[in-house]
Protein backbone atom coordinates (compact mmCIF):
# COMPACT_ATOMS: atom_id res chain seq x y z
CA MET A 1 -0.05 -0.02 -0.13
CA ARG A 2 1.21 3.36 -0.82
CA TYR A 3 0.34 6.81 0.06
CA ALA A 4 1.43 10.38 -1.39
CA ALA A 5 1.53 13.63 0.04
CA ILE A 6 2.37 17.06 -1.74
CA ASP A 7 3.60 19.98 -0.68
CA ILE A 8 2.59 23.42 -2.39
CA GLY A 9 5.36 25.73 -0.40
CA SER A 10 6.53 29.53 -0.95
CA ASN A 11 9.81 27.95 -2.38
CA ALA A 12 9.50 24.53 -3.57
CA VAL A 13 6.77 21.88 -4.31
CA ARG A 14 7.10 18.56 -2.86
CA LEU A 15 5.66 14.89 -3.83
CA LEU A 16 6.68 12.10 -0.90
CA ILE A 17 5.48 8.36 -2.18
CA ALA A 18 5.63 6.62 1.00
CA ASP A 19 5.00 2.37 1.50
CA ILE A 20 2.37 1.96 4.20
CA LEU A 21 3.37 -1.12 6.55
CA GLU A 22 1.37 -2.43 9.25
CA LYS A 23 3.31 -4.23 12.22
CA LYS A 24 1.35 -5.76 14.79
CA GLU A 25 -0.38 -2.60 16.78
CA GLU A 26 0.94 -0.40 14.84
CA VAL A 27 1.20 1.30 11.30
CA VAL A 28 4.50 2.95 9.87
CA TYR A 29 5.44 4.24 6.82
CA THR A 30 8.95 4.58 5.45
CA LYS A 31 9.81 6.69 2.16
CA ASN A 32 10.06 5.35 -1.33
CA THR A 33 10.25 8.21 -3.35
CA LEU A 34 10.90 12.44 -2.94
CA LEU A 35 10.68 14.67 -5.19
CA ARG A 36 11.16 18.77 -4.62
CA VAL A 37 10.63 21.15 -7.67
CA PRO A 38 11.80 25.30 -6.88
CA LEU A 39 8.70 26.70 -8.26
CA ARG A 40 9.07 29.40 -6.03
CA LEU A 41 5.47 30.66 -6.17
CA GLY A 42 6.18 33.18 -3.25
CA ASP A 43 7.94 35.86 -5.21
CA ASP A 44 4.45 36.42 -7.55
CA ALA A 45 2.44 35.87 -4.40
CA PHE A 46 4.10 38.36 -2.00
CA ILE A 47 4.93 40.90 -4.26
CA ASP A 48 1.88 41.08 -6.85
CA LYS A 49 -0.51 39.35 -4.50
CA ARG A 50 -1.12 36.50 -7.91
CA ILE A 51 0.36 33.65 -9.26
CA SER A 52 2.08 34.82 -12.75
CA ILE A 53 0.72 33.00 -16.14
CA GLY A 54 4.36 31.28 -16.35
CA LYS A 55 4.50 29.60 -12.54
CA PHE A 56 0.81 28.83 -13.36
CA GLN A 57 1.49 27.05 -16.24
CA ASP A 58 4.79 24.98 -14.60
CA MET A 59 2.49 24.60 -11.43
CA VAL A 60 -0.11 22.79 -13.35
CA LYS A 61 2.57 20.97 -15.48
CA THR A 62 4.26 19.54 -12.08
CA MET A 63 0.53 18.51 -10.45
CA ARG A 64 -0.05 16.39 -13.90
CA ALA A 65 3.75 15.10 -13.81
CA PHE A 66 2.85 14.37 -9.70
CA ARG A 67 -0.78 12.28 -10.65
CA ASN A 68 1.28 10.56 -14.14
CA LEU A 69 3.76 9.32 -10.91
CA MET A 70 1.06 8.69 -8.41
CA ASP A 71 -0.53 6.61 -10.87
CA VAL A 72 2.33 4.54 -11.89
CA TYR A 73 3.22 3.80 -8.08
CA LYS A 74 -0.11 2.43 -7.83
CA VAL A 75 -0.71 5.52 -4.91
CA THR A 76 -3.92 4.59 -3.44
CA ASP A 77 -4.49 7.80 -1.23
CA TYR A 78 -3.15 11.30 -1.17
CA MET A 79 -3.51 14.60 0.35
CA ALA A 80 -1.98 17.86 -1.31
CA CYS A 81 -1.45 20.89 0.70
CA ALA A 82 -0.93 24.38 -0.17
CA THR A 83 0.31 27.01 1.99
CA SER A 84 1.32 30.40 2.46
CA ALA A 85 2.09 31.83 -1.00
CA MET A 86 -1.16 30.23 -2.21
CA ARG A 87 -2.79 31.62 0.89
CA ASP A 88 -1.80 35.21 -0.45
CA SER A 89 -2.84 34.81 -4.15
CA ASP A 90 -5.67 36.29 -5.48
CA ASN A 91 -5.79 33.68 -8.04
CA GLY A 92 -5.25 30.86 -5.58
CA ALA A 93 -8.47 29.32 -6.59
CA GLU A 94 -7.82 29.38 -10.16
CA VAL A 95 -4.93 27.41 -9.64
CA VAL A 96 -6.67 25.17 -7.76
CA LYS A 97 -9.24 24.48 -10.10
CA ALA A 98 -6.96 24.00 -13.06
CA CYS A 99 -4.91 21.51 -11.00
CA GLN A 100 -8.13 19.49 -10.42
CA GLU A 101 -8.18 19.20 -13.88
CA GLU A 102 -5.13 17.45 -13.63
CA GLY A 103 -6.67 14.93 -11.62
CA ILE A 104 -5.07 16.87 -8.33
CA ASP A 105 -6.97 17.97 -5.57
CA ILE A 106 -5.72 20.54 -3.36
CA GLN A 107 -6.40 22.33 0.23
CA ILE A 108 -5.07 25.84 0.76
CA VAL A 109 -4.45 25.24 4.87
CA ASP A 110 -4.48 28.39 6.93
CA GLY A 111 -0.63 28.38 9.20
CA GLY A 112 -2.20 27.12 12.19
CA ILE A 113 -3.81 23.58 10.48
CA GLU A 114 0.06 23.73 8.80
CA ALA A 115 1.53 23.39 11.87
CA LYS A 116 -0.65 21.01 13.12
CA ILE A 117 -0.18 18.59 10.57
CA ILE A 118 3.62 19.35 10.88
CA TYR A 119 4.14 18.50 14.59
CA ASN A 120 1.72 16.42 15.55
CA SER A 121 2.93 12.76 14.24
CA TYR A 122 6.25 13.70 15.39
CA LEU A 123 5.77 14.97 18.77
CA SER A 124 3.39 12.96 19.98
CA ASN A 125 5.69 9.72 19.93
CA THR A 126 8.94 11.60 20.80
CA ILE A 127 9.04 14.21 23.12
CA ASP A 128 10.01 14.16 26.72
CA LYS A 129 6.69 14.87 28.82
CA THR A 130 8.69 16.77 31.47
CA LYS A 131 10.64 18.91 29.05
CA VAL A 132 9.25 22.33 27.40
CA TYR A 133 9.85 22.58 24.03
CA LEU A 134 9.21 25.67 21.28
CA TYR A 135 8.54 23.99 17.97
CA ILE A 136 9.57 26.64 15.19
CA ASP A 137 8.86 25.55 11.36
CA VAL A 138 10.33 28.55 9.06
CA GLY A 139 8.72 28.08 5.61
CA GLY A 140 9.27 30.59 2.44
CA GLY A 141 6.24 32.26 3.32
CA SER A 142 5.51 31.79 7.14
CA THR A 143 6.89 30.63 10.33
CA GLU A 144 4.70 28.67 12.62
CA ILE A 145 5.54 28.50 16.25
CA THR A 146 4.06 26.42 18.78
CA LEU A 147 4.97 25.93 22.65
CA PHE A 148 4.90 22.75 24.29
CA ALA A 149 4.60 22.14 27.98
CA ASN A 150 4.31 18.54 29.86
CA GLY A 151 3.01 17.35 27.27
CA GLU A 152 0.60 19.04 26.20
CA LEU A 153 0.27 22.20 23.45
CA VAL A 154 0.06 25.49 25.17
CA ASP A 155 -0.21 27.76 22.26
CA SER A 156 0.30 27.75 18.42
CA GLN A 157 0.79 30.81 16.30
CA SER A 158 1.47 31.33 12.43
CA PHE A 159 3.43 34.79 11.38
CA ASN A 160 3.76 36.32 7.75
CA LEU A 161 7.88 35.93 7.99
CA GLY A 162 9.35 33.68 5.75
CA THR A 163 12.22 32.99 3.48
CA ILE A 164 10.90 34.35 0.24
CA ARG A 165 8.86 36.79 2.09
CA ILE A 166 12.22 38.46 3.55
CA LEU A 167 14.51 38.19 0.37
CA ASP A 168 11.75 40.30 -1.64
CA ASN A 169 11.47 42.69 0.98
CA GLN A 170 7.96 41.81 1.78
CA ASP A 171 8.36 41.56 5.36
CA GLN A 172 7.17 44.20 7.94
CA PRO A 173 8.83 45.28 10.97
CA GLU A 174 5.87 44.82 13.01
CA THR A 175 5.62 41.30 12.12
CA TRP A 176 9.07 40.99 13.15
CA ASP A 177 8.37 42.79 16.96
CA LYS A 178 5.11 40.81 17.01
CA MET A 179 6.88 37.67 17.06
CA ARG A 180 9.28 38.53 19.35
CA ARG A 181 6.48 39.89 21.60
CA TRP A 182 4.73 36.76 21.41
CA VAL A 183 8.08 34.29 22.13
CA LYS A 184 8.69 36.18 25.31
CA GLU A 185 5.18 36.22 26.74
CA LYS A 186 4.80 32.83 25.83
CA THR A 187 8.02 31.57 27.26
CA ARG A 188 8.11 33.58 30.47
CA GLY A 189 7.97 31.86 33.79
CA TYR A 190 9.78 28.46 31.62
CA LYS A 191 13.61 27.34 32.38
CA ASN A 192 15.57 24.96 30.19
CA ILE A 193 13.36 25.50 27.07
CA TYR A 194 14.38 23.00 24.17
CA GLY A 195 13.66 24.21 20.32
CA ILE A 196 12.58 21.91 17.66
CA GLY A 197 12.65 22.88 14.17
CA THR A 198 11.63 21.79 10.87
CA GLY A 199 12.09 23.16 7.10
CA GLY A 200 14.65 22.46 4.70
CA ASN A 201 16.93 25.18 5.91
CA ILE A 202 17.40 24.19 9.55
CA ASN A 203 17.96 20.76 8.06
CA LYS A 204 20.58 21.87 6.30
CA LEU A 205 22.21 24.00 8.61
CA SER A 206 22.12 20.83 11.20
CA ARG A 207 24.00 18.85 8.55
CA ILE A 208 26.47 21.50 8.29
CA ALA A 209 26.97 21.69 12.33
CA ASN A 210 26.63 17.84 12.47
CA GLU A 211 28.78 15.21 9.53
CA LYS A 212 27.35 12.32 11.62
CA GLY A 213 24.05 12.28 13.33
CA ASP A 214 21.56 15.16 14.17
CA LYS A 215 22.94 16.73 17.38
CA PRO A 216 20.95 19.80 19.25
CA MET A 217 22.56 22.98 18.08
CA THR A 218 23.21 25.84 20.44
CA TYR A 219 22.64 29.25 19.70
CA ALA A 220 26.69 30.26 19.53
CA LYS A 221 26.81 27.09 17.25
CA LEU A 222 24.06 28.29 14.67
CA LYS A 223 25.24 32.13 15.25
CA ALA A 224 28.68 31.06 13.91
CA ILE A 225 27.26 28.74 10.99
CA PHE A 226 25.09 32.09 9.94
CA ASP A 227 28.33 34.26 10.56
CA HIS A 228 30.05 31.85 8.13
CA LEU A 229 27.84 31.88 5.67
CA ASN A 230 26.91 35.20 5.63
CA SER A 231 30.69 36.13 4.94
CA PHE A 232 30.42 34.60 1.67
CA SER A 233 28.58 35.96 -1.42
CA LEU A 234 25.56 34.14 -3.02
CA LYS A 235 27.71 33.13 -5.97
CA ASP A 236 30.61 31.77 -3.30
CA ARG A 237 28.30 29.68 -1.25
CA ILE A 238 26.95 28.34 -4.45
CA HIS A 239 30.22 27.63 -6.23
CA GLU A 240 32.66 27.26 -3.40
CA LEU A 241 30.36 25.96 -0.19
CA GLY A 242 28.32 24.12 -2.85
CA LEU A 243 24.94 24.77 -1.86
CA ARG A 244 22.38 24.59 -4.34
CA SER A 245 21.28 27.93 -5.95
CA ASP A 246 17.68 27.73 -4.46
CA ARG A 247 19.08 27.19 -0.88
CA ALA A 248 21.94 29.20 -1.05
CA ASP A 249 19.72 32.59 -0.95
CA VAL A 250 17.03 31.44 1.75
CA ILE A 251 19.20 29.83 4.30
CA ILE A 252 20.59 33.57 5.11
CA PRO A 253 17.21 35.05 6.23
CA ALA A 254 16.02 31.22 7.75
CA SER A 255 18.90 31.65 10.09
CA GLU A 256 18.20 34.98 10.88
CA ILE A 257 14.48 34.16 11.80
CA PHE A 258 15.77 30.89 14.01
CA LEU A 259 18.11 33.17 15.82
CA THR A 260 15.96 35.84 16.69
CA ILE A 261 13.31 33.25 18.26
CA MET A 262 16.36 31.16 20.39
CA LYS A 263 17.52 34.42 21.69
CA VAL A 264 13.94 36.03 22.73
CA GLY A 265 12.84 32.54 23.76
CA HIS A 266 16.18 31.63 25.60
CA LEU A 267 16.45 28.38 24.23
CA LYS A 268 19.00 26.12 25.45
CA ASN A 269 19.35 24.60 22.04
CA ILE A 270 17.77 23.49 18.90
CA VAL A 271 17.51 19.96 17.12
CA ALA A 272 16.10 19.40 13.22
CA PRO A 273 14.54 15.67 13.28
CA ARG A 274 14.19 16.19 9.45
CA VAL A 275 10.45 16.05 8.98
CA GLY A 276 8.14 18.53 7.41
CA LEU A 277 4.61 19.09 6.13
CA VAL A 278 4.98 15.96 3.65
CA ASP A 279 5.92 13.56 6.89
CA GLY A 280 2.94 15.02 8.72
CA ILE A 281 0.54 14.67 5.99
CA ILE A 282 1.62 10.78 5.18
CA GLN A 283 0.86 10.63 8.98
CA THR A 284 -2.67 12.11 8.39
CA LEU A 285 -3.58 9.64 6.25
CA ILE A 286 -2.52 6.78 8.39
CA ASP A 287 -4.30 8.27 11.05
CA LYS A 288 -7.45 8.57 8.73
CA ASN A 289 -7.41 5.10 7.27
CA PHE A 290 -6.42 3.20 9.93
CA LYS A 291 -7.18 4.59 13.48
CA ASN A 292 -10.91 5.47 12.57
CA ASN A 293 -11.09 1.84 11.53
CA ARG A 294 -9.88 0.51 14.64
């Protein structure tokens, strides 16, 4: 049995095809195929408030290709979620309709639902219920932050701060201030807060920090990596450091967001479990198809 997850983000569009396995009392999945297409819908959405004709067409072609791949892999269930860029686009509904004609039904989800899909499957099984966690997901158009204490969700908030939005100078000072105030207020009174970061950029930062395994990064460690990366030009980050062109630019504003939150929230460290929206979607499909039938 195979499920598929499609994440239509502001920076890239991803397709994860996963094999579903039933093991006694639990249902697990293994990643079969993961594709990433750097469409950068946010460049249009955050400046013009519309998906341009060119990117509209590329989006439809991508969904057509995903539909064909899902058919070849004999996917039995799937879910496609669009996030910040599509939320901000006046013609988002038109894009959804055109993709539906290619056989892909897309849900445009708000920041709260996006965060819930991402963290539910991971945190429920792995967090230490005696610790306090700040879960941070940084995307191209928005940042979702969730506070957990004693194994329970305390509060969650989505902010219109993301890597593409910042690169396009569409971030607002008041949004940065609002995020800082929220983090400061929600973390007040807690000691030893641990960070959990998701998104392609924190995954890459974690790989830079830890050649073997995913170890927690302190603020000082992350700041040192940021300073090193920022000392190179965009061209040199690509040619000398070997970063992909669509990662070399966004990793700088992503680092700034993570560092800001870590500093304001006095986080001890941050770890990147390397899960994202597509992982959460697969788990959501498992919950829908198995747990409700047991």
